[in-house]
Protein backbone atom coordinates (compact mmCIF):
# COMPACT_ATOMS: atom_id res chain seq x y z
CA UNK A 1 0.00 0.00 0.00
CA UNK A 2 1.39 3.44 -0.86
CA UNK A 3 0.31 6.92 0.11
CA UNK A 4 0.84 10.07 -1.87
CA UNK A 5 0.07 13.36 -0.18
CA UNK A 6 -0.26 16.77 -1.83
CA UNK A 7 -0.70 20.00 0.10
CA UNK A 8 -2.35 23.07 -1.26
CA UNK A 9 -3.15 26.22 0.62
CA UNK A 10 -6.05 28.47 -0.20
CA UNK A 11 -6.39 31.67 1.71
CA UNK A 12 -7.91 31.77 4.34
CA UNK A 13 -8.46 27.99 4.52
CA UNK A 14 -5.98 25.15 4.24
CA UNK A 15 -6.68 21.63 3.01
CA UNK A 16 -4.87 18.40 2.33
CA UNK A 17 -5.66 15.91 -0.44
CA UNK A 18 -4.78 12.26 -0.05
CA UNK A 19 -4.69 9.61 -2.75
CA UNK A 20 -4.65 6.10 -1.34
CA UNK A 21 -3.79 3.28 -3.73
CA UNK A 22 -5.64 0.16 -2.65
CA UNK A 23 -4.28 -3.35 -3.09
CA UNK A 24 -6.52 -3.96 -6.09
CA UNK A 25 -5.09 -0.88 -7.85
CA UNK A 26 -8.11 1.31 -7.22
CA UNK A 27 -7.34 4.91 -6.20
CA UNK A 28 -9.30 6.37 -3.32
CA UNK A 29 -9.34 10.19 -3.29
CA UNK A 30 -10.02 12.09 -0.07
CA UNK A 31 -9.74 15.74 0.94
CA UNK A 32 -9.58 17.01 4.50
CA UNK A 33 -9.73 20.41 6.14
CA UNK A 34 -6.58 20.99 8.21
CA UNK A 35 -8.70 22.67 10.89
CA UNK A 36 -10.79 19.52 11.26
CA UNK A 37 -7.66 17.35 11.41
CA UNK A 38 -6.15 19.66 14.06
CA UNK A 39 -9.32 19.56 16.18
CA UNK A 40 -9.42 15.76 15.95
CA UNK A 41 -5.75 15.54 16.98
CA UNK A 42 -6.36 17.88 19.95
CA UNK A 43 -9.34 15.76 21.05
CA UNK A 44 -7.17 12.63 21.05
CA UNK A 45 -4.34 14.38 22.92
CA UNK A 46 -6.77 15.70 25.53
CA UNK A 47 -8.24 12.21 26.01
CA UNK A 48 -4.78 10.77 26.70
CA UNK A 49 -3.80 13.66 28.96
CA UNK A 50 -7.02 13.38 30.95
CA UNK A 51 -6.34 9.67 31.52
CA UNK A 52 -2.88 10.53 32.91
CA UNK A 53 -4.07 13.46 34.97
CA UNK A 54 -7.26 11.80 36.22
CA UNK A 55 -5.61 11.07 39.57
CA UNK A 56 -4.43 14.69 39.92
CA UNK A 57 -6.81 17.51 40.69
CA UNK A 58 -6.10 21.18 41.45
CA UNK A 59 -5.11 21.48 45.11
CA UNK A 60 -3.36 18.09 45.34
CA UNK A 61 0.17 17.87 46.71
CA UNK A 62 2.61 16.32 44.20
CA UNK A 63 6.29 15.44 44.03
CA UNK A 64 8.51 15.57 40.94
CA UNK A 65 9.50 11.95 40.35
CA UNK A 66 11.71 12.36 37.26
CA UNK A 67 14.85 14.37 36.77
CA UNK A 68 13.57 17.61 35.24
CA UNK A 69 15.98 20.47 34.56
CA UNK A 70 14.66 24.05 34.69
CA UNK A 71 16.51 27.29 34.00
CA UNK A 72 14.04 29.76 35.48
CA UNK A 73 14.08 28.82 39.18
CA UNK A 74 14.16 32.10 41.17
CA UNK A 75 17.13 31.06 43.35
CA UNK A 76 19.11 29.61 40.41
CA UNK A 77 18.54 32.07 37.54
CA UNK A 78 20.05 31.02 34.18
CA UNK A 79 21.65 27.96 35.78
CA UNK A 80 20.38 24.40 35.43
CA UNK A 81 18.38 23.26 38.46
CA UNK A 82 17.03 19.72 38.89
CA UNK A 83 13.46 19.70 40.24
CA UNK A 84 13.62 15.98 41.17
CA UNK A 85 12.13 15.43 44.65
CA UNK A 86 10.59 18.92 44.97
CA UNK A 87 7.05 19.05 46.36
CA UNK A 88 4.35 21.49 45.31
CA UNK A 89 0.63 21.98 44.78
CA UNK A 90 -1.25 21.39 41.52
CA UNK A 91 -2.65 24.77 40.52
CA UNK A 92 -4.27 23.90 37.18
CA UNK A 93 -4.56 21.20 34.53
CA UNK A 94 -4.68 22.86 31.11
CA UNK A 95 -7.03 21.18 28.63
CA UNK A 96 -9.07 23.95 27.01
CA UNK A 97 -8.46 27.38 25.51
CA UNK A 98 -10.36 30.53 26.58
CA UNK A 99 -13.44 29.84 24.47
CA UNK A 100 -13.69 26.21 25.58
CA UNK A 101 -11.96 24.86 22.47
CA UNK A 102 -9.76 21.79 23.06
CA UNK A 103 -6.10 22.54 23.62
CA UNK A 104 -3.31 19.97 23.39
CA UNK A 105 -0.80 21.47 25.84
CA UNK A 106 2.64 19.88 25.81
CA UNK A 107 3.10 20.38 29.56
CA UNK A 108 -0.47 20.56 30.88
CA UNK A 109 -0.01 20.33 34.67
CA UNK A 110 0.78 23.65 36.38
CA UNK A 111 2.41 23.17 39.80
CA UNK A 112 3.09 25.91 42.36
CA UNK A 113 6.29 25.72 44.39
CA UNK A 114 5.87 28.59 46.87
CA UNK A 115 5.25 31.65 44.68
CA UNK A 116 6.79 30.12 41.56
CA UNK A 117 4.89 27.97 39.06
CA UNK A 118 6.24 25.40 36.64
CA UNK A 119 4.58 23.34 33.90
CA UNK A 120 5.01 19.55 33.92
CA UNK A 121 3.84 16.51 32.02
CA UNK A 122 1.62 14.25 34.13
CA UNK A 123 4.08 11.33 34.05
CA UNK A 124 6.78 13.51 35.67
CA UNK A 125 4.73 13.86 38.86
CA UNK A 126 3.42 11.61 41.61
CA UNK A 127 0.90 12.26 44.39
CA UNK A 128 2.39 12.80 47.86
């Protein structure tokens, strides 16, 4: 099976056309809106993130369980600082944009350490 993909951009919309060659030699033509593909991808990402973060809720105490280097720690400005073992409070789990549209945040869990907040992936944290 082979796939051939062509991209064309029309202002203000973008689309993708896909020709799929089936095993019997028949060509299946499909066209997709990139906006629809992006929304579908965000929905899938949010579903996975919500499964990981289901145990964590805002207000929970968490500990960083993986070695995570940050460069914006207030006491270690511009120097690498390992957050492994630090404890903080989950402030927010980002899953939607302002208007309620799905958002696939790379680091969706916002954790407060004193007055400083950092963004983490759910698998980098554990409940205390």
